[in-house]
Each structure stands twice: as structure tokens, then as C-alpha cells.
Amino acid sequence: MTVVHMPPRAGPAPGGDDRAAEDPVPHDLPAEQAVLGGMVLDPSVVVKVVATRLEAGHFYRSAHGALFDHLLGMFAHDEPIDALTVRSSLDEHGWPPGTDPLYLVTLIEVVPTAANAPHYARTVLRHARRRGALAANARAAQGLRGPEVSEREVAQRYAADMAALPG
């Protein structure tokens, strides 16, 4: 398995990383790449990936989420999905920032087997849940710092935030 390691950088990185590079939040870029590459290599796994309840917003890199949505759109319209058709479609509709045809090749190369795409989708989803829990914790901590909100109200908001986590 060839994994493209993208070191942290300031500003957008390949694949459209639009979040702070120094923000050590849970994510697994190789898993994100493997989900997308698996979907391109074997469109039959798209249904299995969707069954994990993975959504575009669960990807750490926004460009990965945009590619995911694009692949789902192609699948929903019964368009064939393979490296050539995806490239052609993205050439026509526009590539997400930080991606290009070479990045599509990278996504395909990192996949040891497309059959594991649902496993990688669950990994992406697990990290999205963790990021959501961290955000809920931060909001609760911020709420407790101000005198204008009661502890009970902070606890209720926190419980609602935790109940709304993906998956």
C-alpha cells in the first residue's frame, strides 16, 4: 500500500486541507483517500460505504468531502465510475481546490483493495465523531466560563451536541 503523506503546512494543502495545519484534531487522511480510491476502483462498494452513514461533512479535508459528493452524484445518476469517467466529469464540473487528475491517481494508488472501503469509511466516521465530541466539549467549557448561562443550560446543550454526533 502506497500512502501519500502530506506534512502539515500553513494554508491549504494538496487535497484541499482548509483547516489549521497545527490543529491536532482526530483524522486519518490515508483512510479518507482509501475510501475515495476504493469507490473509484470498484463502484459496487459505494452502496456499502453509504451504508456506514458516511457523509461529505465527515471528511477532515473538505476536498475529500467534495470528491465524495461528486462520486455519490455520479452513482445516483447511474453514470459509470472509473478513473477515466471521474476525471472527465471533474474536468467538466470542476475539481475541488487542491485536487487535480494527478491527485485522482494518488487516491487510486493508495488502495490495497477496494473491498476494504467500508472499513476505511467507518474509520473516517469515527474520527468525525471524535472531532464533534471535542467541539462539544469546547463549547461546554466556553459556556461555563460566562456568567450568563446556567450550568444546567450548558449541560443540556452539551447533551444535545453529543446526541447529534454522526453515526
Foldseek 3Di string as FASTA:
>chain_A
DDADDDQQDAAAAALAQHDHSPPPADADVLLLLQLLLLCQDDVVCLVVLVVLVFALVLHNHNLSSVSNVVSVVCVVVVHDGHLVVSLVVCVVVHHPPNDHSVVSVNSNVSHPHSVCSNVSSNSSLVSSLRNLLVVLVVQLVVQVVDPPDDNVRSVVSSVVSNVPRGD
